[in-house]
PDB file of N, CA and C in Angstrom:
ATOM      1  N   MET A   1      15.221   7.561 -10.180  1.00  0.00           N
ATOM      2  CA  MET A   1      13.985   7.740  -9.475  1.00  0.00           C
ATOM      3  C   MET A   1      14.115   8.957  -8.573  1.00  0.00           C
ATOM      4  N   THR A   2      13.144   9.814  -8.603  1.00  0.00           N
ATOM      5  CA  THR A   2      13.129  10.982  -7.736  1.00  0.00           C
ATOM      6  C   THR A   2      12.273  10.680  -6.516  1.00  0.00           C
ATOM      7  N   THR A   3      12.517  11.422  -5.443  1.00  0.00           N
ATOM      8  CA  THR A   3      11.688  11.254  -4.261  1.00  0.00           C
ATOM      9  C   THR A   3      10.650  12.350  -4.232  1.00  0.00           C
ATOM     10  N   ASN A   4       9.571  12.075  -3.567  1.00  0.00           N
ATOM     11  CA  ASN A   4       8.461  12.990  -3.487  1.00  0.00           C
ATOM     12  C   ASN A   4       8.120  13.156  -2.013  1.00  0.00           C
ATOM     13  N   ASN A   5       7.839  14.368  -1.561  1.00  0.00           N
ATOM     14  CA  ASN A   5       7.546  14.607  -0.157  1.00  0.00           C
ATOM     15  C   ASN A   5       6.091  14.370   0.204  1.00  0.00           C
ATOM     16  N   GLU A   6       5.272  13.975  -0.746  1.00  0.00           N
ATOM     17  CA  GLU A   6       3.859  13.790  -0.474  1.00  0.00           C
ATOM     18  C   GLU A   6       3.581  12.421   0.130  1.00  0.00           C
ATOM     19  N   CYS A   7       2.574  12.392   1.006  1.00  0.00           N
ATOM     20  CA  CYS A   7       2.104  11.154   1.598  1.00  0.00           C
ATOM     21  C   CYS A   7       0.942  10.642   0.749  1.00  0.00           C
ATOM     22  N   VAL A   8       0.910   9.340   0.518  1.00  0.00           N
ATOM     23  CA  VAL A   8      -0.105   8.760  -0.349  1.00  0.00           C
ATOM     24  C   VAL A   8      -0.930   7.746   0.424  1.00  0.00           C
ATOM     25  N   LEU A   9      -2.269   7.789   0.278  1.00  0.00           N
ATOM     26  CA  LEU A   9      -3.163   6.791   0.839  1.00  0.00           C
ATOM     27  C   LEU A   9      -3.834   6.073  -0.314  1.00  0.00           C
ATOM     28  N   VAL A  10      -3.649   4.777  -0.387  1.00  0.00           N
ATOM     29  CA  VAL A  10      -4.283   3.964  -1.417  1.00  0.00           C
ATOM     30  C   VAL A  10      -5.328   3.113  -0.729  1.00  0.00           C
ATOM     31  N   THR A  11      -6.596   3.309  -1.067  1.00  0.00           N
ATOM     32  CA  THR A  11      -7.639   2.478  -0.480  1.00  0.00           C
ATOM     33  C   THR A  11      -7.784   1.206  -1.297  1.00  0.00           C
ATOM     34  N   GLY A  12      -8.186   0.152  -0.638  1.00  0.00           N
ATOM     35  CA  GLY A  12      -8.351  -1.117  -1.337  1.00  0.00           C
ATOM     36  C   GLY A  12      -7.038  -1.716  -1.781  1.00  0.00           C
ATOM     37  N   GLY A  13      -6.025  -1.593  -0.954  1.00  0.00           N
ATOM     38  CA  GLY A  13      -4.686  -2.013  -1.336  1.00  0.00           C
ATOM     39  C   GLY A  13      -4.490  -3.495  -1.540  1.00  0.00           C
ATOM     40  N   SER A  14      -5.440  -4.315  -1.106  1.00  0.00           N
ATOM     41  CA  SER A  14      -5.276  -5.754  -1.294  1.00  0.00           C
ATOM     42  C   SER A  14      -5.886  -6.239  -2.607  1.00  0.00           C
ATOM     43  N   GLY A  15      -6.575  -5.362  -3.317  1.00  0.00           N
ATOM     44  CA  GLY A  15      -7.148  -5.733  -4.607  1.00  0.00           C
ATOM     45  C   GLY A  15      -6.166  -5.499  -5.749  1.00  0.00           C
ATOM     46  N   PHE A  16      -6.510  -5.981  -6.918  1.00  0.00           N
ATOM     47  CA  PHE A  16      -5.619  -5.853  -8.079  1.00  0.00           C
ATOM     48  C   PHE A  16      -5.337  -4.395  -8.415  1.00  0.00           C
ATOM     49  N   VAL A  17      -6.376  -3.576  -8.519  1.00  0.00           N
ATOM     50  CA  VAL A  17      -6.187  -2.167  -8.893  1.00  0.00           C
ATOM     51  C   VAL A  17      -5.406  -1.432  -7.810  1.00  0.00           C
ATOM     52  N   GLY A  18      -5.739  -1.691  -6.531  1.00  0.00           N
ATOM     53  CA  GLY A  18      -5.013  -1.053  -5.431  1.00  0.00           C
ATOM     54  C   GLY A  18      -3.544  -1.407  -5.430  1.00  0.00           C
ATOM     55  N   THR A  19      -3.241  -2.690  -5.681  1.00  0.00           N
ATOM     56  CA  THR A  19      -1.849  -3.127  -5.740  1.00  0.00           C
ATOM     57  C   THR A  19      -1.109  -2.432  -6.874  1.00  0.00           C
ATOM     58  N   GLN A  20      -1.745  -2.301  -8.023  1.00  0.00           N
ATOM     59  CA  GLN A  20      -1.121  -1.619  -9.149  1.00  0.00           C
ATOM     60  C   GLN A  20      -0.866  -0.147  -8.822  1.00  0.00           C
ATOM     61  N   CYS A  21      -1.788   0.481  -8.095  1.00  0.00           N
ATOM     62  CA  CYS A  21      -1.592   1.881  -7.683  1.00  0.00           C
ATOM     63  C   CYS A  21      -0.408   2.010  -6.732  1.00  0.00           C
ATOM     64  N   ILE A  22      -0.276   1.066  -5.796  1.00  0.00           N
ATOM     65  CA  ILE A  22       0.850   1.091  -4.869  1.00  0.00           C
ATOM     66  C   ILE A  22       2.162   0.964  -5.629  1.00  0.00           C
ATOM     67  N   ILE A  23       2.216   0.028  -6.571  1.00  0.00           N
ATOM     68  CA  ILE A  23       3.434  -0.167  -7.364  1.00  0.00           C
ATOM     69  C   ILE A  23       3.794   1.110  -8.113  1.00  0.00           C
ATOM     70  N   ARG A  24       2.803   1.760  -8.716  1.00  0.00           N
ATOM     71  CA  ARG A  24       3.063   3.007  -9.452  1.00  0.00           C
ATOM     72  C   ARG A  24       3.582   4.102  -8.528  1.00  0.00           C
ATOM     73  N   CYS A  25       2.995   4.220  -7.337  1.00  0.00           N
ATOM     74  CA  CYS A  25       3.436   5.245  -6.387  1.00  0.00           C
ATOM     75  C   CYS A  25       4.863   4.988  -5.919  1.00  0.00           C
ATOM     76  N   LEU A  26       5.171   3.720  -5.599  1.00  0.00           N
ATOM     77  CA  LEU A  26       6.525   3.385  -5.170  1.00  0.00           C
ATOM     78  C   LEU A  26       7.530   3.662  -6.277  1.00  0.00           C
ATOM     79  N   THR A  27       7.175   3.293  -7.489  1.00  0.00           N
ATOM     80  CA  THR A  27       8.064   3.502  -8.631  1.00  0.00           C
ATOM     81  C   THR A  27       8.261   4.990  -8.913  1.00  0.00           C
ATOM     82  N   ALA A  28       7.231   5.795  -8.647  1.00  0.00           N
ATOM     83  CA  ALA A  28       7.316   7.239  -8.874  1.00  0.00           C
ATOM     84  C   ALA A  28       8.129   7.940  -7.790  1.00  0.00           C
ATOM     85  N   GLY A  29       8.514   7.207  -6.736  1.00  0.00           N
ATOM     86  CA  GLY A  29       9.389   7.777  -5.724  1.00  0.00           C
ATOM     87  C   GLY A  29       8.691   8.461  -4.570  1.00  0.00           C
ATOM     88  N   TYR A  30       7.416   8.188  -4.363  1.00  0.00           N
ATOM     89  CA  TYR A  30       6.738   8.772  -3.213  1.00  0.00           C
ATOM     90  C   TYR A  30       7.349   8.251  -1.925  1.00  0.00           C
ATOM     91  N   ARG A  31       7.281   9.045  -0.865  1.00  0.00           N
ATOM     92  CA  ARG A  31       7.828   8.638   0.424  1.00  0.00           C
ATOM     93  C   ARG A  31       7.095   7.392   0.889  1.00  0.00           C
ATOM     94  N   VAL A  32       7.787   6.306   0.954  1.00  0.00           N
ATOM     95  CA  VAL A  32       7.134   5.053   1.286  1.00  0.00           C
ATOM     96  C   VAL A  32       7.006   4.825   2.779  1.00  0.00           C
ATOM     97  N   LYS A  33       7.761   5.530   3.585  1.00  0.00           N
ATOM     98  CA  LYS A  33       7.640   5.337   5.028  1.00  0.00           C
ATOM     99  C   LYS A  33       6.305   5.833   5.538  1.00  0.00           C
ATOM    100  N   THR A  34       5.712   6.783   4.860  1.00  0.00           N
ATOM    101  CA  THR A  34       4.424   7.289   5.298  1.00  0.00           C
ATOM    102  C   THR A  34       3.307   6.877   4.343  1.00  0.00           C
ATOM    103  N   MET A  35       3.663   6.117   3.344  1.00  0.00           N
ATOM    104  CA  MET A  35       2.641   5.646   2.412  1.00  0.00           C
ATOM    105  C   MET A  35       1.779   4.625   3.119  1.00  0.00           C
ATOM    106  N   LYS A  36       0.489   4.736   2.980  1.00  0.00           N
ATOM    107  CA  LYS A  36      -0.422   3.826   3.655  1.00  0.00           C
ATOM    108  C   LYS A  36      -1.405   3.233   2.655  1.00  0.00           C
ATOM    109  N   THR A  37      -1.936   2.109   3.011  1.00  0.00           N
ATOM    110  CA  THR A  37      -2.992   1.501   2.232  1.00  0.00           C
ATOM    111  C   THR A  37      -4.005   0.916   3.192  1.00  0.00           C
ATOM    112  N   THR A  38      -5.250   0.895   2.799  1.00  0.00           N
ATOM    113  CA  THR A  38      -6.259   0.278   3.639  1.00  0.00           C
ATOM    114  C   THR A  38      -6.546  -1.128   3.137  1.00  0.00           C
ATOM    115  N   VAL A  39      -6.809  -2.008   4.067  1.00  0.00           N
ATOM    116  CA  VAL A  39      -7.254  -3.361   3.761  1.00  0.00           C
ATOM    117  C   VAL A  39      -8.400  -3.665   4.719  1.00  0.00           C
ATOM    118  N   ARG A  40      -9.310  -4.535   4.321  1.00  0.00           N
ATOM    119  CA  ARG A  40     -10.422  -4.853   5.216  1.00  0.00           C
ATOM    120  C   ARG A  40      -9.965  -5.622   6.440  1.00  0.00           C
ATOM    121  N   SER A  41      -8.888  -6.366   6.290  1.00  0.00           N
ATOM    122  CA  SER A  41      -8.348  -7.128   7.405  1.00  0.00           C
ATOM    123  C   SER A  41      -6.824  -7.106   7.317  1.00  0.00           C
ATOM    124  N   LEU A  42      -6.179  -6.878   8.441  1.00  0.00           N
ATOM    125  CA  LEU A  42      -4.720  -6.864   8.449  1.00  0.00           C
ATOM    126  C   LEU A  42      -4.135  -8.240   8.162  1.00  0.00           C
ATOM    127  N   GLU A  43      -4.968  -9.272   8.154  1.00  0.00           N
ATOM    128  CA  GLU A  43      -4.516 -10.606   7.780  1.00  0.00           C
ATOM    129  C   GLU A  43      -4.044 -10.649   6.328  1.00  0.00           C
ATOM    130  N   ARG A  44      -4.472  -9.691   5.509  1.00  0.00           N
ATOM    131  CA  ARG A  44      -4.086  -9.620   4.102  1.00  0.00           C
ATOM    132  C   ARG A  44      -2.737  -8.945   3.891  1.00  0.00           C
ATOM    133  N   LYS A  45      -2.175  -8.370   4.932  1.00  0.00           N
ATOM    134  CA  LYS A  45      -0.937  -7.602   4.818  1.00  0.00           C
ATOM    135  C   LYS A  45       0.186  -8.402   4.166  1.00  0.00           C
ATOM    136  N   GLU A  46       0.442  -9.596   4.662  1.00  0.00           N
ATOM    137  CA  GLU A  46       1.548 -10.403   4.136  1.00  0.00           C
ATOM    138  C   GLU A  46       1.338 -10.770   2.671  1.00  0.00           C
ATOM    139  N   THR A  47       0.100 -11.040   2.293  1.00  0.00           N
ATOM    140  CA  THR A  47      -0.201 -11.364   0.893  1.00  0.00           C
ATOM    141  C   THR A  47       0.104 -10.177  -0.010  1.00  0.00           C
ATOM    142  N   VAL A  48      -0.304  -8.987   0.429  1.00  0.00           N
ATOM    143  CA  VAL A  48      -0.046  -7.780  -0.362  1.00  0.00           C
ATOM    144  C   VAL A  48       1.453  -7.524  -0.453  1.00  0.00           C
ATOM    145  N   LEU A  49       2.170  -7.653   0.663  1.00  0.00           N
ATOM    146  CA  LEU A  49       3.620  -7.427   0.651  1.00  0.00           C
ATOM    147  C   LEU A  49       4.334  -8.405  -0.280  1.00  0.00           C
ATOM    148  N   ARG A  50       3.934  -9.676  -0.245  1.00  0.00           N
ATOM    149  CA  ARG A  50       4.550 -10.662  -1.147  1.00  0.00           C
ATOM    150  C   ARG A  50       4.295 -10.306  -2.605  1.00  0.00           C
ATOM    151  N   THR A  51       3.081  -9.841  -2.902  1.00  0.00           N
ATOM    152  CA  THR A  51       2.752  -9.440  -4.278  1.00  0.00           C
ATOM    153  C   THR A  51       3.613  -8.270  -4.708  1.00  0.00           C
ATOM    154  N   LEU A  52       3.750  -7.260  -3.845  1.00  0.00           N
ATOM    155  CA  LEU A  52       4.568  -6.084  -4.178  1.00  0.00           C
ATOM    156  C   LEU A  52       6.024  -6.474  -4.391  1.00  0.00           C
ATOM    157  N   GLN A  53       6.543  -7.323  -3.513  1.00  0.00           N
ATOM    158  CA  GLN A  53       7.935  -7.745  -3.631  1.00  0.00           C
ATOM    159  C   GLN A  53       8.157  -8.573  -4.889  1.00  0.00           C
ATOM    160  N   ALA A  54       7.178  -9.399  -5.251  1.00  0.00           N
ATOM    161  CA  ALA A  54       7.300 -10.238  -6.446  1.00  0.00           C
ATOM    162  C   ALA A  54       7.341  -9.405  -7.729  1.00  0.00           C
ATOM    163  N   THR A  55       6.727  -8.222  -7.695  1.00  0.00           N
ATOM    164  CA  THR A  55       6.735  -7.357  -8.879  1.00  0.00           C
ATOM    165  C   THR A  55       7.990  -6.505  -8.955  1.00  0.00           C
ATOM    166  N   GLY A  56       8.794  -6.540  -7.890  1.00  0.00           N
ATOM    167  CA  GLY A  56      10.007  -5.734  -7.875  1.00  0.00           C
ATOM    168  C   GLY A  56       9.759  -4.284  -7.502  1.00  0.00           C
ATOM    169  N   ALA A  57       8.614  -3.997  -6.891  1.00  0.00           N
ATOM    170  CA  ALA A  57       8.302  -2.624  -6.475  1.00  0.00           C
ATOM    171  C   ALA A  57       9.354  -2.157  -5.476  1.00  0.00           C
ATOM    172  N   PRO A  58       9.949  -0.985  -5.691  1.00  0.00           N
ATOM    173  CA  PRO A  58      10.982  -0.493  -4.782  1.00  0.00           C
ATOM    174  C   PRO A  58      10.402  -0.164  -3.409  1.00  0.00           C
ATOM    175  N   ASN A  59      11.128  -0.500  -2.347  1.00  0.00           N
ATOM    176  CA  ASN A  59      10.749  -0.173  -0.974  1.00  0.00           C
ATOM    177  C   ASN A  59       9.400  -0.741  -0.550  1.00  0.00           C
ATOM    178  N   ALA A  60       9.021  -1.874  -1.102  1.00  0.00           N
ATOM    179  CA  ALA A  60       7.721  -2.474  -0.792  1.00  0.00           C
ATOM    180  C   ALA A  60       7.546  -2.725   0.700  1.00  0.00           C
ATOM    181  N   GLU A  61       8.627  -3.077   1.382  1.00  0.00           N
ATOM    182  CA  GLU A  61       8.537  -3.382   2.809  1.00  0.00           C
ATOM    183  C   GLU A  61       8.238  -2.156   3.655  1.00  0.00           C
ATOM    184  N   SER A  62       8.298  -0.972   3.080  1.00  0.00           N
ATOM    185  CA  SER A  62       8.053   0.265   3.828  1.00  0.00           C
ATOM    186  C   SER A  62       6.597   0.700   3.810  1.00  0.00           C
ATOM    187  N   VAL A  63       5.757   0.004   3.082  1.00  0.00           N
ATOM    188  CA  VAL A  63       4.343   0.379   3.005  1.00  0.00           C
ATOM    189  C   VAL A  63       3.685   0.109   4.352  1.00  0.00           C
ATOM    190  N   SER A  64       2.922   1.070   4.849  1.00  0.00           N
ATOM    191  CA  SER A  64       2.183   0.923   6.105  1.00  0.00           C
ATOM    192  C   SER A  64       0.762   0.481   5.779  1.00  0.00           C
ATOM    193  N   PHE A  65       0.169  -0.290   6.661  1.00  0.00           N
ATOM    194  CA  PHE A  65      -1.182  -0.794   6.445  1.00  0.00           C
ATOM    195  C   PHE A  65      -2.117  -0.310   7.542  1.00  0.00           C
ATOM    196  N   VAL A  66      -3.339   0.033   7.160  1.00  0.00           N
ATOM    197  CA  VAL A  66      -4.372   0.465   8.079  1.00  0.00           C
ATOM    198  C   VAL A  66      -5.602  -0.390   7.800  1.00  0.00           C
ATOM    199  N   GLU A  67      -6.167  -0.970   8.848  1.00  0.00           N
ATOM    200  CA  GLU A  67      -7.367  -1.766   8.673  1.00  0.00           C
ATOM    201  C   GLU A  67      -8.574  -0.851   8.565  1.00  0.00           C
ATOM    202  N   ALA A  68      -9.392  -1.048   7.550  1.00  0.00           N
ATOM    203  CA  ALA A  68     -10.597  -0.260   7.354  1.00  0.00           C
ATOM    204  C   ALA A  68     -11.747  -1.207   7.075  1.00  0.00           C
ATOM    205  N   ASP A  69     -12.364  -1.696   8.134  1.00  0.00           N
ATOM    206  CA  ASP A  69     -13.502  -2.601   8.004  1.00  0.00           C
ATOM    207  C   ASP A  69     -14.756  -1.749   7.900  1.00  0.00           C
ATOM    208  N   LEU A  70     -15.338  -1.694   6.740  1.00  0.00           N
ATOM    209  CA  LEU A  70     -16.492  -0.828   6.497  1.00  0.00           C
ATOM    210  C   LEU A  70     -17.761  -1.322   7.182  1.00  0.00           C
ATOM    211  N   THR A  71     -17.720  -2.522   7.761  1.00  0.00           N
ATOM    212  CA  THR A  71     -18.892  -3.026   8.487  1.00  0.00           C
ATOM    213  C   THR A  71     -18.874  -2.579   9.944  1.00  0.00           C
ATOM    214  N   LYS A  72     -17.800  -1.903  10.364  1.00  0.00           N
ATOM    215  CA  LYS A  72     -17.695  -1.434  11.745  1.00  0.00           C
ATOM    216  C   LYS A  72     -17.720   0.088  11.766  1.00  0.00           C
ATOM    217  N   GLU A  73     -18.212   0.639  12.838  1.00  0.00           N
ATOM    218  CA  GLU A  73     -18.359   2.093  12.983  1.00  0.00           C
ATOM    219  C   GLU A  73     -17.027   2.825  12.828  1.00  0.00           C
ATOM    220  N   ASP A  74     -15.943   2.314  13.420  1.00  0.00           N
ATOM    221  CA  ASP A  74     -14.655   3.016  13.355  1.00  0.00           C
ATOM    222  C   ASP A  74     -13.903   2.753  12.063  1.00  0.00           C
ATOM    223  N   GLY A  75     -14.436   1.896  11.183  1.00  0.00           N
ATOM    224  CA  GLY A  75     -13.792   1.610   9.894  1.00  0.00           C
ATOM    225  C   GLY A  75     -14.039   2.714   8.929  1.00  0.00           C
TER     226      GLY A  75
END
């Protein structure tokens, strides 16, 4: 696996397609310390992390989460 210096933002990280995108990025060697994903609620963070870990995605615990509630002005 090679490392990549690019930062990746995956929107909708708690959905099926978003989770698959995260797995592909981690497997491709993107820098996971700065990799971020948006979720509507940070309450979903643990569910997403468990899913990533269950698939064997490398460095899953390094994914950062950002709450993006589209019903709020700052989301």
